[in-house]
């Protein structure tokens, strides 16, 4: 039975890829240092707090009646962070800073009130 040169080339190329993967064993992703791991955790936490502030603002806007301002508290942000992201302990200063940033970015001065500036 004649051998197909395309199929043989395909099998040889696949074998080379498998051998290369076996040799390198994912070394590109492995050397995570403790500093990089901690920096990634801090970035994730701050990103989650900002998202929590966005969700708290959206929830307060939905709760507010027509014509009255939405009231967003720092406690709302900590509650959303705990419920959605599992952050058991969120400092008031962290939550207030995230709420201030999202309050300014979302243009909430016209229709929202918050205690984050106190």
PDB file of N, CA and C in Angstrom:
ATOM      1  N   UNK A   1       0.854  -1.169   0.000  1.00  0.00           N
ATOM      2  CA  UNK A   1       0.000   0.000   0.000  1.00  0.00           C
ATOM      3  C   UNK A   1       0.899   1.230   0.000  1.00  0.00           C
ATOM      4  N   UNK A   2       0.702   2.160  -0.928  1.00  0.00           N
ATOM      5  CA  UNK A   2       1.554   3.349  -1.004  1.00  0.00           C
ATOM      6  C   UNK A   2       1.256   4.301   0.150  1.00  0.00           C
ATOM      7  N   UNK A   3       2.283   4.983   0.626  1.00  0.00           N
ATOM      8  CA  UNK A   3       2.128   5.949   1.714  1.00  0.00           C
ATOM      9  C   UNK A   3       1.843   7.319   1.134  1.00  0.00           C
ATOM     10  N   UNK A   4       0.953   8.029   1.796  1.00  0.00           N
ATOM     11  CA  UNK A   4       0.616   9.389   1.369  1.00  0.00           C
ATOM     12  C   UNK A   4       1.661  10.338   1.946  1.00  0.00           C
ATOM     13  N   UNK A   5       2.391  11.104   1.113  1.00  0.00           N
ATOM     14  CA  UNK A   5       3.434  11.994   1.653  1.00  0.00           C
ATOM     15  C   UNK A   5       2.858  13.112   2.518  1.00  0.00           C
ATOM     16  N   UNK A   6       1.648  13.579   2.221  1.00  0.00           N
ATOM     17  CA  UNK A   6       1.034  14.632   3.043  1.00  0.00           C
ATOM     18  C   UNK A   6       0.708  14.135   4.440  1.00  0.00           C
ATOM     19  N   UNK A   7       0.171  12.919   4.515  1.00  0.00           N
ATOM     20  CA  UNK A   7      -0.160  12.339   5.815  1.00  0.00           C
ATOM     21  C   UNK A   7       1.074  12.049   6.642  1.00  0.00           C
ATOM     22  N   UNK A   8       2.106  11.559   5.968  1.00  0.00           N
ATOM     23  CA  UNK A   8       3.361  11.282   6.661  1.00  0.00           C
ATOM     24  C   UNK A   8       3.991  12.564   7.196  1.00  0.00           C
ATOM     25  N   UNK A   9       3.918  13.620   6.388  1.00  0.00           N
ATOM     26  CA  UNK A   9       4.438  14.921   6.823  1.00  0.00           C
ATOM     27  C   UNK A   9       3.636  15.457   8.008  1.00  0.00           C
ATOM     28  N   UNK A  10       2.317  15.274   7.979  1.00  0.00           N
ATOM     29  CA  UNK A  10       1.446  15.722   9.062  1.00  0.00           C
ATOM     30  C   UNK A  10       1.790  15.000  10.369  1.00  0.00           C
ATOM     31  N   UNK A  11       1.975  13.695  10.299  1.00  0.00           N
ATOM     32  CA  UNK A  11       2.315  12.912  11.490  1.00  0.00           C
ATOM     33  C   UNK A  11       3.695  13.303  12.017  1.00  0.00           C
ATOM     34  N   UNK A  12       4.643  13.535  11.122  1.00  0.00           N
ATOM     35  CA  UNK A  12       5.992  13.929  11.548  1.00  0.00           C
ATOM     36  C   UNK A  12       5.968  15.296  12.226  1.00  0.00           C
ATOM     37  N   UNK A  13       5.218  16.235  11.662  1.00  0.00           N
ATOM     38  CA  UNK A  13       5.117  17.571  12.257  1.00  0.00           C
ATOM     39  C   UNK A  13       4.452  17.503  13.633  1.00  0.00           C
ATOM     40  N   UNK A  14       3.408  16.692  13.763  1.00  0.00           N
ATOM     41  CA  UNK A  14       2.753  16.515  15.060  1.00  0.00           C
ATOM     42  C   UNK A  14       3.685  15.912  16.088  1.00  0.00           C
ATOM     43  N   UNK A  15       4.496  14.961  15.663  1.00  0.00           N
ATOM     44  CA  UNK A  15       5.462  14.343  16.579  1.00  0.00           C
ATOM     45  C   UNK A  15       6.503  15.344  17.054  1.00  0.00           C
ATOM     46  N   UNK A  16       6.931  16.219  16.153  1.00  0.00           N
ATOM     47  CA  UNK A  16       7.897  17.258  16.533  1.00  0.00           C
ATOM     48  C   UNK A  16       7.272  18.205  17.553  1.00  0.00           C
ATOM     49  N   UNK A  17       6.016  18.585  17.342  1.00  0.00           N
ATOM     50  CA  UNK A  17       5.345  19.472  18.299  1.00  0.00           C
ATOM     51  C   UNK A  17       5.193  18.810  19.666  1.00  0.00           C
ATOM     52  N   UNK A  18       4.829  17.551  19.680  1.00  0.00           N
ATOM     53  CA  UNK A  18       4.689  16.833  20.954  1.00  0.00           C
ATOM     54  C   UNK A  18       6.036  16.736  21.661  1.00  0.00           C
ATOM     55  N   UNK A  19       7.091  16.443  20.915  1.00  0.00           N
ATOM     56  CA  UNK A  19       8.428  16.358  21.514  1.00  0.00           C
ATOM     57  C   UNK A  19       8.863  17.708  22.070  1.00  0.00           C
ATOM     58  N   UNK A  20       8.591  18.783  21.332  1.00  0.00           N
ATOM     59  CA  UNK A  20       8.959  20.120  21.814  1.00  0.00           C
ATOM     60  C   UNK A  20       8.184  20.464  23.079  1.00  0.00           C
ATOM     61  N   UNK A  21       6.902  20.134  23.112  1.00  0.00           N
ATOM     62  CA  UNK A  21       6.106  20.382  24.317  1.00  0.00           C
ATOM     63  C   UNK A  21       6.582  19.574  25.497  1.00  0.00           C
ATOM     64  N   UNK A  22       7.019  18.356  25.237  1.00  0.00           N
ATOM     65  CA  UNK A  22       7.533  17.505  26.309  1.00  0.00           C
ATOM     66  C   UNK A  22       8.841  18.044  26.870  1.00  0.00           C
ATOM     67  N   UNK A  23       9.670  18.609  26.011  1.00  0.00           N
ATOM     68  CA  UNK A  23      10.965  19.142  26.451  1.00  0.00           C
ATOM     69  C   UNK A  23      10.775  20.421  27.259  1.00  0.00           C
ATOM     70  N   UNK A  24       9.958  21.348  26.746  1.00  0.00           N
ATOM     71  CA  UNK A  24       9.832  22.644  27.416  1.00  0.00           C
ATOM     72  C   UNK A  24       8.880  22.612  28.605  1.00  0.00           C
ATOM     73  N   UNK A  25       7.888  21.763  28.601  1.00  0.00           N
ATOM     74  CA  UNK A  25       6.970  21.564  29.730  1.00  0.00           C
ATOM     75  C   UNK A  25       6.364  22.861  30.253  1.00  0.00           C
ATOM     76  N   UNK A  26       6.073  23.785  29.406  1.00  0.00           N
ATOM     77  CA  UNK A  26       5.411  25.008  29.828  1.00  0.00           C
ATOM     78  C   UNK A  26       6.266  25.934  30.648  1.00  0.00           C
ATOM     79  N   UNK A  27       7.527  25.997  30.403  1.00  0.00           N
ATOM     80  CA  UNK A  27       8.425  26.842  31.195  1.00  0.00           C
ATOM     81  C   UNK A  27       8.116  28.321  31.055  1.00  0.00           C
ATOM     82  N   UNK A  28       7.437  28.696  30.007  1.00  0.00           N
ATOM     83  CA  UNK A  28       7.122  30.105  29.811  1.00  0.00           C
ATOM     84  C   UNK A  28       6.169  30.588  30.897  1.00  0.00           C
ATOM     85  N   UNK A  29       5.242  29.739  31.313  1.00  0.00           N
ATOM     86  CA  UNK A  29       4.250  30.144  32.297  1.00  0.00           C
ATOM     87  C   UNK A  29       4.646  29.828  33.737  1.00  0.00           C
ATOM     88  N   UNK A  30       5.595  28.967  33.936  1.00  0.00           N
ATOM     89  CA  UNK A  30       5.922  28.498  35.274  1.00  0.00           C
ATOM     90  C   UNK A  30       6.633  29.486  36.184  1.00  0.00           C
ATOM     91  N   UNK A  31       7.585  30.253  35.714  1.00  0.00           N
ATOM     92  CA  UNK A  31       8.382  31.013  36.681  1.00  0.00           C
ATOM     93  C   UNK A  31       7.631  32.216  37.263  1.00  0.00           C
ATOM     94  N   UNK A  32       6.509  31.958  37.925  1.00  0.00           N
ATOM     95  CA  UNK A  32       5.793  33.028  38.601  1.00  0.00           C
ATOM     96  C   UNK A  32       6.451  33.272  39.952  1.00  0.00           C
ATOM     97  N   UNK A  33       6.901  34.451  40.142  1.00  0.00           N
ATOM     98  CA  UNK A  33       7.519  34.778  41.420  1.00  0.00           C
ATOM     99  C   UNK A  33       6.439  35.196  42.410  1.00  0.00           C
ATOM    100  N   UNK A  34       6.810  35.258  43.639  1.00  0.00           N
ATOM    101  CA  UNK A  34       5.878  35.658  44.682  1.00  0.00           C
ATOM    102  C   UNK A  34       5.419  37.096  44.470  1.00  0.00           C
ATOM    103  N   UNK A  35       6.339  37.961  44.027  1.00  0.00           N
ATOM    104  CA  UNK A  35       5.988  39.364  43.785  1.00  0.00           C
ATOM    105  C   UNK A  35       4.939  39.482  42.693  1.00  0.00           C
ATOM    106  N   UNK A  36       5.131  38.730  41.603  1.00  0.00           N
ATOM    107  CA  UNK A  36       4.174  38.787  40.500  1.00  0.00           C
ATOM    108  C   UNK A  36       2.817  38.235  40.918  1.00  0.00           C
ATOM    109  N   UNK A  37       2.818  37.203  41.729  1.00  0.00           N
ATOM    110  CA  UNK A  37       1.571  36.626  42.210  1.00  0.00           C
ATOM    111  C   UNK A  37       0.829  37.616  43.096  1.00  0.00           C
ATOM    112  N   UNK A  38       1.548  38.271  43.990  1.00  0.00           N
ATOM    113  CA  UNK A  38       0.921  39.256  44.865  1.00  0.00           C
ATOM    114  C   UNK A  38       0.429  40.458  44.079  1.00  0.00           C
ATOM    115  N   UNK A  39       1.196  40.907  43.089  1.00  0.00           N
ATOM    116  CA  UNK A  39       0.771  42.036  42.261  1.00  0.00           C
ATOM    117  C   UNK A  39      -0.492  41.689  41.487  1.00  0.00           C
ATOM    118  N   UNK A  40      -0.581  40.470  40.989  1.00  0.00           N
ATOM    119  CA  UNK A  40      -1.784  40.041  40.267  1.00  0.00           C
ATOM    120  C   UNK A  40      -2.984  39.988  41.203  1.00  0.00           C
ATOM    121  N   UNK A  41      -2.782  39.527  42.426  1.00  0.00           N
ATOM    122  CA  UNK A  41      -3.878  39.472  43.397  1.00  0.00           C
ATOM    123  C   UNK A  41      -4.360  40.870  43.758  1.00  0.00           C
ATOM    124  N   UNK A  42      -3.445  41.810  43.905  1.00  0.00           N
ATOM    125  CA  UNK A  42      -3.823  43.192  44.219  1.00  0.00           C
ATOM    126  C   UNK A  42      -4.593  43.805  43.064  1.00  0.00           C
ATOM    127  N   UNK A  43      -4.120  43.563  41.828  1.00  0.00           N
ATOM    128  CA  UNK A  43      -4.833  44.077  40.653  1.00  0.00           C
ATOM    129  C   UNK A  43      -6.239  43.497  40.560  1.00  0.00           C
ATOM    130  N   UNK A  44      -6.368  42.196  40.803  1.00  0.00           N
ATOM    131  CA  UNK A  44      -7.683  41.562  40.748  1.00  0.00           C
ATOM    132  C   UNK A  44      -8.602  42.123  41.823  1.00  0.00           C
ATOM    133  N   UNK A  45      -8.067  42.324  43.011  1.00  0.00           N
ATOM    134  CA  UNK A  45      -8.896  42.848  44.101  1.00  0.00           C
ATOM    135  C   UNK A  45      -9.377  44.257  43.795  1.00  0.00           C
ATOM    136  N   UNK A  46      -8.490  45.127  43.309  1.00  0.00           N
ATOM    137  CA  UNK A  46      -8.911  46.497  43.010  1.00  0.00           C
ATOM    138  C   UNK A  46      -9.900  46.511  41.844  1.00  0.00           C
ATOM    139  N   UNK A  47      -9.683  45.652  40.850  1.00  0.00           N
ATOM    140  CA  UNK A  47     -10.619  45.566  39.728  1.00  0.00           C
ATOM    141  C   UNK A  47     -11.990  45.081  40.204  1.00  0.00           C
ATOM    142  N   UNK A  48     -11.996  44.105  41.098  1.00  0.00           N
ATOM    143  CA  UNK A  48     -13.258  43.604  41.639  1.00  0.00           C
ATOM    144  C   UNK A  48     -13.966  44.656  42.475  1.00  0.00           C
ATOM    145  N   UNK A  49     -13.208  45.463  43.217  1.00  0.00           N
ATOM    146  CA  UNK A  49     -13.837  46.538  43.994  1.00  0.00           C
ATOM    147  C   UNK A  49     -14.449  47.590  43.075  1.00  0.00           C
ATOM    148  N   UNK A  50     -13.772  47.913  41.984  1.00  0.00           N
ATOM    149  CA  UNK A  50     -14.341  48.870  41.032  1.00  0.00           C
ATOM    150  C   UNK A  50     -15.615  48.314  40.405  1.00  0.00           C
ATOM    151  N   UNK A  51     -15.608  47.044  40.068  1.00  0.00           N
ATOM    152  CA  UNK A  51     -16.820  46.424  39.519  1.00  0.00           C
ATOM    153  C   UNK A  51     -17.930  46.397  40.554  1.00  0.00           C
ATOM    154  N   UNK A  52     -17.569  46.157  41.808  1.00  0.00           N
ATOM    155  CA  UNK A  52     -18.566  46.168  42.880  1.00  0.00           C
ATOM    156  C   UNK A  52     -19.182  47.545  43.026  1.00  0.00           C
ATOM    157  N   UNK A  53     -18.359  48.578  42.905  1.00  0.00           N
ATOM    158  CA  UNK A  53     -18.882  49.944  42.978  1.00  0.00           C
ATOM    159  C   UNK A  53     -19.824  50.218  41.808  1.00  0.00           C
ATOM    160  N   UNK A  54     -19.472  49.763  40.611  1.00  0.00           N
ATOM    161  CA  UNK A  54     -20.362  49.926  39.459  1.00  0.00           C
ATOM    162  C   UNK A  54     -21.696  49.226  39.689  1.00  0.00           C
ATOM    163  N   UNK A  55     -21.639  48.004  40.225  1.00  0.00           N
ATOM    164  CA  UNK A  55     -22.877  47.262  40.478  1.00  0.00           C
ATOM    165  C   UNK A  55     -23.720  47.931  41.555  1.00  0.00           C
ATOM    166  N   UNK A  56     -23.062  48.467  42.583  1.00  0.00           N
ATOM    167  CA  UNK A  56     -23.802  49.147  43.651  1.00  0.00           C
ATOM    168  C   UNK A  56     -24.468  50.412  43.120  1.00  0.00           C
ATOM    169  N   UNK A  57     -23.783  51.151  42.249  1.00  0.00           N
ATOM    170  CA  UNK A  57     -24.377  52.355  41.654  1.00  0.00           C
ATOM    171  C   UNK A  57     -25.570  51.979  40.787  1.00  0.00           C
ATOM    172  N   UNK A  58     -25.419  50.946  39.969  1.00  0.00           N
ATOM    173  CA  UNK A  58     -26.524  50.515  39.104  1.00  0.00           C
ATOM    174  C   UNK A  58     -27.713  50.040  39.928  1.00  0.00           C
ATOM    175  N   UNK A  59     -27.445  49.317  41.004  1.00  0.00           N
ATOM    176  CA  UNK A  59     -28.525  48.839  41.867  1.00  0.00           C
ATOM    177  C   UNK A  59     -29.242  50.003  42.545  1.00  0.00           C
ATOM    178  N   UNK A  60     -28.486  50.995  42.999  1.00  0.00           N
ATOM    179  CA  UNK A  60     -29.098  52.160  43.645  1.00  0.00           C
ATOM    180  C   UNK A  60     -29.930  52.960  42.650  1.00  0.00           C
ATOM    181  N   UNK A  61     -29.462  53.067  41.415  1.00  0.00           N
ATOM    182  CA  UNK A  61     -30.243  53.776  40.396  1.00  0.00           C
ATOM    183  C   UNK A  61     -31.539  53.037  40.079  1.00  0.00           C
ATOM    184  N   UNK A  62     -31.501  51.721  40.086  1.00  0.00           N
ATOM    185  CA  UNK A  62     -32.730  50.950  39.843  1.00  0.00           C
ATOM    186  C   UNK A  62     -33.712  51.101  41.002  1.00  0.00           C
ATOM    187  N   UNK A  63     -33.191  51.172  42.230  1.00  0.00           N
ATOM    188  CA  UNK A  63     -34.055  51.296  43.406  1.00  0.00           C
ATOM    189  C   UNK A  63     -34.684  52.669  43.538  1.00  0.00           C
ATOM    190  N   UNK A  64     -34.007  53.695  43.035  1.00  0.00           N
ATOM    191  CA  UNK A  64     -34.485  55.068  43.228  1.00  0.00           C
ATOM    192  C   UNK A  64     -35.754  55.306  42.414  1.00  0.00           C
ATOM    193  N   UNK A  65     -36.673  56.032  43.027  1.00  0.00           N
ATOM    194  CA  UNK A  65     -37.904  56.401  42.327  1.00  0.00           C
ATOM    195  C   UNK A  65     -37.602  57.526  41.342  1.00  0.00           C
ATOM    196  N   UNK A  66     -38.496  57.720  40.417  1.00  0.00           N
ATOM    197  CA  UNK A  66     -38.304  58.756  39.403  1.00  0.00           C
ATOM    198  C   UNK A  66     -38.219  60.139  40.065  1.00  0.00           C
ATOM    199  N   UNK A  67     -37.188  60.870  39.720  1.00  0.00           N
ATOM    200  CA  UNK A  67     -37.022  62.224  40.228  1.00  0.00           C
ATOM    201  C   UNK A  67     -36.237  62.329  41.531  1.00  0.00           C
ATOM    202  N   UNK A  68     -35.983  61.239  42.205  1.00  0.00           N
ATOM    203  CA  UNK A  68     -35.197  61.313  43.439  1.00  0.00           C
ATOM    204  C   UNK A  68     -33.799  60.745  43.189  1.00  0.00           C
ATOM    205  N   UNK A  69     -32.821  61.227  43.948  1.00  0.00           N
ATOM    206  CA  UNK A  69     -31.443  60.770  43.709  1.00  0.00           C
ATOM    207  C   UNK A  69     -31.222  59.343  44.214  1.00  0.00           C
ATOM    208  N   UNK A  70     -30.333  58.664  43.554  1.00  0.00           N
ATOM    209  CA  UNK A  70     -29.941  57.329  44.000  1.00  0.00           C
ATOM    210  C   UNK A  70     -28.937  57.478  45.140  1.00  0.00           C
ATOM    211  N   UNK A  71     -29.112  56.708  46.187  1.00  0.00           N
ATOM    212  CA  UNK A  71     -28.226  56.778  47.347  1.00  0.00           C
ATOM    213  C   UNK A  71     -27.351  55.528  47.360  1.00  0.00           C
ATOM    214  N   UNK A  72     -26.042  55.750  47.221  1.00  0.00           N
ATOM    215  CA  UNK A  72     -25.070  54.655  47.203  1.00  0.00           C
ATOM    216  C   UNK A  72     -24.160  54.827  48.408  1.00  0.00           C
ATOM    217  N   UNK A  73     -24.067  53.802  49.226  1.00  0.00           N
ATOM    218  CA  UNK A  73     -23.204  53.880  50.401  1.00  0.00           C
ATOM    219  C   UNK A  73     -21.988  52.969  50.225  1.00  0.00           C
ATOM    220  N   UNK A  74     -20.996  53.204  51.058  1.00  0.00           N
ATOM    221  CA  UNK A  74     -19.805  52.358  51.058  1.00  0.00           C
ATOM    222  C   UNK A  74     -20.186  50.944  51.491  1.00  0.00           C
ATOM    223  N   UNK A  75     -21.163  50.840  52.368  1.00  0.00           N
ATOM    224  CA  UNK A  75     -21.654  49.527  52.787  1.00  0.00           C
ATOM    225  C   UNK A  75     -22.237  48.729  51.633  1.00  0.00           C
ATOM    226  N   UNK A  76     -22.888  49.420  50.699  1.00  0.00           N
ATOM    227  CA  UNK A  76     -23.400  48.731  49.510  1.00  0.00           C
ATOM    228  C   UNK A  76     -22.261  48.109  48.709  1.00  0.00           C
ATOM    229  N   UNK A  77     -21.168  48.846  48.578  1.00  0.00           N
ATOM    230  CA  UNK A  77     -20.018  48.340  47.818  1.00  0.00           C
ATOM    231  C   UNK A  77     -19.410  47.129  48.519  1.00  0.00           C
ATOM    232  N   UNK A  78     -19.255  47.197  49.834  1.00  0.00           N
ATOM    233  CA  UNK A  78     -18.676  46.058  50.557  1.00  0.00           C
ATOM    234  C   UNK A  78     -19.601  44.847  50.496  1.00  0.00           C
ATOM    235  N   UNK A  79     -20.904  45.076  50.547  1.00  0.00           N
ATOM    236  CA  UNK A  79     -21.857  43.972  50.464  1.00  0.00           C
ATOM    237  C   UNK A  79     -21.795  43.293  49.093  1.00  0.00           C
ATOM    238  N   UNK A  80     -21.732  44.102  48.024  1.00  0.00           N
ATOM    239  CA  UNK A  80     -21.634  43.537  46.673  1.00  0.00           C
ATOM    240  C   UNK A  80     -20.308  42.798  46.499  1.00  0.00           C
ATOM    241  N   UNK A  81     -19.219  43.359  47.032  1.00  0.00           N
ATOM    242  CA  UNK A  81     -17.910  42.697  46.928  1.00  0.00           C
ATOM    243  C   UNK A  81     -17.917  41.359  47.657  1.00  0.00           C
ATOM    244  N   UNK A  82     -18.587  41.299  48.772  1.00  0.00           N
ATOM    245  CA  UNK A  82     -18.672  40.049  49.524  1.00  0.00           C
ATOM    246  C   UNK A  82     -19.555  39.045  48.796  1.00  0.00           C
ATOM    247  N   UNK A  83     -20.689  39.502  48.302  1.00  0.00           N
ATOM    248  CA  UNK A  83     -21.649  38.607  47.674  1.00  0.00           C
ATOM    249  C   UNK A  83     -21.154  38.070  46.333  1.00  0.00           C
ATOM    250  N   UNK A  84     -20.599  38.935  45.503  1.00  0.00           N
ATOM    251  CA  UNK A  84     -20.229  38.527  44.147  1.00  0.00           C
ATOM    252  C   UNK A  84     -18.812  37.985  44.031  1.00  0.00           C
ATOM    253  N   UNK A  85     -17.891  38.527  44.800  1.00  0.00           N
ATOM    254  CA  UNK A  85     -16.486  38.168  44.627  1.00  0.00           C
ATOM    255  C   UNK A  85     -15.887  37.433  45.816  1.00  0.00           C
ATOM    256  N   UNK A  86     -16.642  37.274  46.898  1.00  0.00           N
ATOM    257  CA  UNK A  86     -16.159  36.510  48.034  1.00  0.00           C
ATOM    258  C   UNK A  86     -15.123  37.209  48.888  1.00  0.00           C
ATOM    259  N   UNK A  87     -15.039  38.530  48.791  1.00  0.00           N
ATOM    260  CA  UNK A  87     -14.096  39.268  49.635  1.00  0.00           C
ATOM    261  C   UNK A  87     -14.716  39.405  51.023  1.00  0.00           C
ATOM    262  N   UNK A  88     -14.207  38.638  51.956  1.00  0.00           N
ATOM    263  CA  UNK A  88     -14.781  38.610  53.293  1.00  0.00           C
ATOM    264  C   UNK A  88     -14.513  39.915  54.027  1.00  0.00           C
ATOM    265  N   UNK A  89     -13.294  40.410  53.926  1.00  0.00           N
ATOM    266  CA  UNK A  89     -12.923  41.631  54.627  1.00  0.00           C
ATOM    267  C   UNK A  89     -12.534  42.699  53.615  1.00  0.00           C
ATOM    268  N   UNK A  90     -13.337  43.750  53.560  1.00  0.00           N
ATOM    269  CA  UNK A  90     -13.032  44.889  52.694  1.00  0.00           C
ATOM    270  C   UNK A  90     -12.958  46.115  53.592  1.00  0.00           C
ATOM    271  N   UNK A  91     -11.820  46.771  53.583  1.00  0.00           N
ATOM    272  CA  UNK A  91     -11.647  47.977  54.391  1.00  0.00           C
ATOM    273  C   UNK A  91     -12.550  49.088  53.866  1.00  0.00           C
ATOM    274  N   UNK A  92     -13.051  49.894  54.779  1.00  0.00           N
ATOM    275  CA  UNK A  92     -13.924  50.998  54.388  1.00  0.00           C
ATOM    276  C   UNK A  92     -13.195  51.962  53.458  1.00  0.00           C
ATOM    277  N   UNK A  93     -11.910  52.216  53.726  1.00  0.00           N
ATOM    278  CA  UNK A  93     -11.145  53.141  52.883  1.00  0.00           C
ATOM    279  C   UNK A  93     -11.017  52.623  51.452  1.00  0.00           C
ATOM    280  N   UNK A  94     -10.786  51.319  51.298  1.00  0.00           N
ATOM    281  CA  UNK A  94     -10.683  50.735  49.953  1.00  0.00           C
ATOM    282  C   UNK A  94     -11.998  50.859  49.196  1.00  0.00           C
ATOM    283  N   UNK A  95     -13.090  50.507  49.872  1.00  0.00           N
ATOM    284  CA  UNK A  95     -14.398  50.571  49.228  1.00  0.00           C
ATOM    285  C   UNK A  95     -14.778  52.010  48.906  1.00  0.00           C
ATOM    286  N   UNK A  96     -14.447  52.941  49.806  1.00  0.00           N
ATOM    287  CA  UNK A  96     -14.761  54.348  49.557  1.00  0.00           C
ATOM    288  C   UNK A  96     -13.959  54.889  48.383  1.00  0.00           C
ATOM    289  N   UNK A  97     -12.693  54.507  48.284  1.00  0.00           N
ATOM    290  CA  UNK A  97     -11.873  54.960  47.154  1.00  0.00           C
ATOM    291  C   UNK A  97     -12.416  54.428  45.836  1.00  0.00           C
ATOM    292  N   UNK A  98     -12.815  53.161  45.812  1.00  0.00           N
ATOM    293  CA  UNK A  98     -13.387  52.583  44.589  1.00  0.00           C
ATOM    294  C   UNK A  98     -14.694  53.273  44.234  1.00  0.00           C
ATOM    295  N   UNK A  99     -15.523  53.538  45.232  1.00  0.00           N
ATOM    296  CA  UNK A  99     -16.799  54.209  44.976  1.00  0.00           C
ATOM    297  C   UNK A  99     -16.586  55.632  44.480  1.00  0.00           C
ATOM    298  N   UNK A 100     -15.612  56.338  45.052  1.00  0.00           N
ATOM    299  CA  UNK A 100     -15.323  57.697  44.567  1.00  0.00           C
ATOM    300  C   UNK A 100     -14.891  57.676  43.107  1.00  0.00           C
ATOM    301  N   UNK A 101     -14.004  56.752  42.756  1.00  0.00           N
ATOM    302  CA  UNK A 101     -13.526  56.671  41.361  1.00  0.00           C
ATOM    303  C   UNK A 101     -14.670  56.386  40.405  1.00  0.00           C
ATOM    304  N   UNK A 102     -15.514  55.424  40.733  1.00  0.00           N
ATOM    305  CA  UNK A 102     -16.605  55.070  39.826  1.00  0.00           C
ATOM    306  C   UNK A 102     -17.713  56.117  39.854  1.00  0.00           C
ATOM    307  N   UNK A 103     -17.887  56.791  40.984  1.00  0.00           N
ATOM    308  CA  UNK A 103     -18.874  57.862  41.103  1.00  0.00           C
ATOM    309  C   UNK A 103     -18.520  58.991  40.147  1.00  0.00           C
ATOM    310  N   UNK A 104     -17.242  59.347  40.110  1.00  0.00           N
ATOM    311  CA  UNK A 104     -16.787  60.417  39.211  1.00  0.00           C
ATOM    312  C   UNK A 104     -16.850  59.959  37.756  1.00  0.00           C
ATOM    313  N   UNK A 105     -16.441  58.728  37.482  1.00  0.00           N
ATOM    314  CA  UNK A 105     -16.390  58.235  36.099  1.00  0.00           C
ATOM    315  C   UNK A 105     -17.784  58.049  35.506  1.00  0.00           C
ATOM    316  N   UNK A 106     -18.755  57.709  36.328  1.00  0.00           N
ATOM    317  CA  UNK A 106     -20.106  57.453  35.828  1.00  0.00           C
ATOM    318  C   UNK A 106     -20.951  58.713  35.751  1.00  0.00           C
ATOM    319  N   UNK A 107     -20.420  59.846  36.147  1.00  0.00           N
ATOM    320  CA  UNK A 107     -21.188  61.090  36.101  1.00  0.00           C
ATOM    321  C   UNK A 107     -22.368  61.075  37.057  1.00  0.00           C
ATOM    322  N   UNK A 108     -22.131  60.643  38.266  1.00  0.00           N
ATOM    323  CA  UNK A 108     -23.211  60.475  39.236  1.00  0.00           C
ATOM    324  C   UNK A 108     -23.547  61.741  40.015  1.00  0.00           C
ATOM    325  N   UNK A 109     -22.813  62.805  39.821  1.00  0.00           N
ATOM    326  CA  UNK A 109     -23.070  64.013  40.615  1.00  0.00           C
ATOM    327  C   UNK A 109     -24.480  64.556  40.393  1.00  0.00           C
ATOM    328  N   UNK A 110     -25.040  64.305  39.227  1.00  0.00           N
ATOM    329  CA  UNK A 110     -26.360  64.851  38.910  1.00  0.00           C
ATOM    330  C   UNK A 110     -27.496  64.062  39.554  1.00  0.00           C
ATOM    331  N   UNK A 111     -27.349  62.745  39.661  1.00  0.00           N
ATOM    332  CA  UNK A 111     -28.490  61.950  40.110  1.00  0.00           C
ATOM    333  C   UNK A 111     -28.188  60.977  41.252  1.00  0.00           C
ATOM    334  N   UNK A 112     -27.022  61.104  41.893  1.00  0.00           N
ATOM    335  CA  UNK A 112     -26.666  60.177  42.978  1.00  0.00           C
ATOM    336  C   UNK A 112     -26.136  60.936  44.191  1.00  0.00           C
ATOM    337  N   UNK A 113     -26.223  60.264  45.330  1.00  0.00           N
ATOM    338  CA  UNK A 113     -25.617  60.766  46.563  1.00  0.00           C
ATOM    339  C   UNK A 113     -24.818  59.621  47.169  1.00  0.00           C
ATOM    340  N   UNK A 114     -23.708  59.967  47.828  1.00  0.00           N
ATOM    341  CA  UNK A 114     -22.882  58.931  48.436  1.00  0.00           C
ATOM    342  C   UNK A 114     -22.218  59.441  49.701  1.00  0.00           C
ATOM    343  N   UNK A 115     -21.805  58.492  50.524  1.00  0.00           N
ATOM    344  CA  UNK A 115     -21.061  58.832  51.734  1.00  0.00           C
ATOM    345  C   UNK A 115     -19.571  58.550  51.563  1.00  0.00           C
ATOM    346  N   UNK A 116     -19.131  58.311  50.346  1.00  0.00           N
ATOM    347  CA  UNK A 116     -17.727  57.962  50.099  1.00  0.00           C
ATOM    348  C   UNK A 116     -16.790  59.144  50.281  1.00  0.00           C
ATOM    349  N   UNK A 117     -17.299  60.347  50.242  1.00  0.00           N
ATOM    350  CA  UNK A 117     -16.448  61.528  50.362  1.00  0.00           C
ATOM    351  C   UNK A 117     -16.301  61.991  51.803  1.00  0.00           C
ATOM    352  N   UNK A 118     -16.997  61.350  52.732  1.00  0.00           N
ATOM    353  CA  UNK A 118     -16.916  61.734  54.148  1.00  0.00           C
ATOM    354  C   UNK A 118     -15.705  61.129  54.801  1.00  0.00           C
TER     355      UNK A 118
END
